[in-house]
């Protein structure tokens, strides 16, 4: 993923929902797995396109590190 795409994804994420900024990783990790599924992330206002951009290792989950990098 190139730098421009990452930047655009982060801008979209930041502007997508003011509520997202107040949401903590642990609050979204409903099943306590230590990673966010796309369904859990969507509850925090993360769109599927943004989720795909943030999922840098492509495993279908957002780790705490991937989430924090947003």
C-alpha atoms as a PDB file:
ATOM      1  CA  UNK A   1       0.000   0.000   0.000  1.00  0.00           C
ATOM      2  CA  UNK A   2       1.497   3.314  -0.922  1.00  0.00           C
ATOM      3  CA  UNK A   3       1.858   6.304   1.370  1.00  0.00           C
ATOM      4  CA  UNK A   4      -0.900   8.303  -0.365  1.00  0.00           C
ATOM      5  CA  UNK A   5      -3.437   5.520   0.125  1.00  0.00           C
ATOM      6  CA  UNK A   6      -2.503   5.227   3.796  1.00  0.00           C
ATOM      7  CA  UNK A   7      -2.804   8.963   4.245  1.00  0.00           C
ATOM      8  CA  UNK A   8      -6.201   9.034   2.562  1.00  0.00           C
ATOM      9  CA  UNK A   9      -7.383   6.108   4.684  1.00  0.00           C
ATOM     10  CA  UNK A  10      -6.306   7.865   7.851  1.00  0.00           C
ATOM     11  CA  UNK A  11      -8.013  11.095   6.810  1.00  0.00           C
ATOM     12  CA  UNK A  12     -11.196   9.182   6.055  1.00  0.00           C
ATOM     13  CA  UNK A  13     -10.961   7.401   9.372  1.00  0.00           C
ATOM     14  CA  UNK A  14     -10.371  10.597  11.295  1.00  0.00           C
ATOM     15  CA  UNK A  15     -13.272  12.360   9.639  1.00  0.00           C
ATOM     16  CA  UNK A  16     -15.671   9.421   9.539  1.00  0.00           C
ATOM     17  CA  UNK A  17     -16.944   9.759  13.058  1.00  0.00           C
ATOM     18  CA  UNK A  18     -16.259  11.946  16.047  1.00  0.00           C
ATOM     19  CA  UNK A  19     -17.437   9.035  18.165  1.00  0.00           C
ATOM     20  CA  UNK A  20     -14.590   6.877  16.851  1.00  0.00           C
ATOM     21  CA  UNK A  21     -12.029   9.093  18.547  1.00  0.00           C
ATOM     22  CA  UNK A  22     -13.654   8.353  21.885  1.00  0.00           C
ATOM     23  CA  UNK A  23     -13.781   4.602  21.297  1.00  0.00           C
ATOM     24  CA  UNK A  24     -11.075   2.477  22.826  1.00  0.00           C
ATOM     25  CA  UNK A  25      -9.661  -0.667  21.192  1.00  0.00           C
ATOM     26  CA  UNK A  26     -10.634  -2.737  24.226  1.00  0.00           C
ATOM     27  CA  UNK A  27     -14.223  -1.463  24.055  1.00  0.00           C
ATOM     28  CA  UNK A  28     -14.491  -2.555  20.422  1.00  0.00           C
ATOM     29  CA  UNK A  29     -12.870  -5.948  21.055  1.00  0.00           C
ATOM     30  CA  UNK A  30     -16.159  -7.432  22.234  1.00  0.00           C
ATOM     31  CA  UNK A  31     -15.014 -11.058  22.156  1.00  0.00           C
ATOM     32  CA  UNK A  32     -11.746 -10.270  23.935  1.00  0.00           C
ATOM     33  CA  UNK A  33      -9.637 -11.907  21.225  1.00  0.00           C
ATOM     34  CA  UNK A  34      -7.034  -9.145  21.194  1.00  0.00           C
ATOM     35  CA  UNK A  35      -7.916  -8.255  17.608  1.00  0.00           C
ATOM     36  CA  UNK A  36     -10.826  -6.525  15.909  1.00  0.00           C
ATOM     37  CA  UNK A  37     -12.930  -8.307  13.341  1.00  0.00           C
ATOM     38  CA  UNK A  38     -14.444  -6.218  10.581  1.00  0.00           C
ATOM     39  CA  UNK A  39     -17.805  -6.448  12.377  1.00  0.00           C
ATOM     40  CA  UNK A  40     -16.332  -5.187  15.659  1.00  0.00           C
ATOM     41  CA  UNK A  41     -14.484  -2.370  13.869  1.00  0.00           C
ATOM     42  CA  UNK A  42     -17.653  -1.300  12.059  1.00  0.00           C
ATOM     43  CA  UNK A  43     -19.248  -0.645  15.447  1.00  0.00           C
ATOM     44  CA  UNK A  44     -16.555   1.977  15.955  1.00  0.00           C
ATOM     45  CA  UNK A  45     -17.326   3.680  12.655  1.00  0.00           C
ATOM     46  CA  UNK A  46     -14.575   2.029  10.623  1.00  0.00           C
ATOM     47  CA  UNK A  47     -15.790   1.384   7.094  1.00  0.00           C
ATOM     48  CA  UNK A  48     -14.868  -1.815   5.279  1.00  0.00           C
ATOM     49  CA  UNK A  49     -12.602   0.145   2.905  1.00  0.00           C
ATOM     50  CA  UNK A  50     -10.777   1.780   5.803  1.00  0.00           C
ATOM     51  CA  UNK A  51     -10.555  -1.560   7.598  1.00  0.00           C
ATOM     52  CA  UNK A  52      -8.868  -3.075   4.542  1.00  0.00           C
ATOM     53  CA  UNK A  53      -6.349  -0.205   4.422  1.00  0.00           C
ATOM     54  CA  UNK A  54      -5.550  -0.505   8.139  1.00  0.00           C
ATOM     55  CA  UNK A  55      -5.202  -4.296   8.025  1.00  0.00           C
ATOM     56  CA  UNK A  56      -1.600  -4.056   6.887  1.00  0.00           C
ATOM     57  CA  UNK A  57      -0.812  -7.751   7.317  1.00  0.00           C
ATOM     58  CA  UNK A  58      -3.966  -8.765   5.421  1.00  0.00           C
ATOM     59  CA  UNK A  59      -5.133 -11.317   7.995  1.00  0.00           C
ATOM     60  CA  UNK A  60      -8.702 -10.009   8.171  1.00  0.00           C
ATOM     61  CA  UNK A  61      -8.289  -8.578  11.678  1.00  0.00           C
ATOM     62  CA  UNK A  62      -6.976  -5.361  13.154  1.00  0.00           C
ATOM     63  CA  UNK A  63      -4.357  -5.875  15.816  1.00  0.00           C
ATOM     64  CA  UNK A  64      -3.992  -3.310  18.578  1.00  0.00           C
ATOM     65  CA  UNK A  65      -0.867  -2.043  16.814  1.00  0.00           C
ATOM     66  CA  UNK A  66      -2.683  -1.630  13.477  1.00  0.00           C
ATOM     67  CA  UNK A  67      -5.518   0.143  15.297  1.00  0.00           C
ATOM     68  CA  UNK A  68      -3.119   2.417  17.185  1.00  0.00           C
ATOM     69  CA  UNK A  69      -1.285   3.281  13.970  1.00  0.00           C
ATOM     70  CA  UNK A  70      -4.496   4.849  12.671  1.00  0.00           C
END
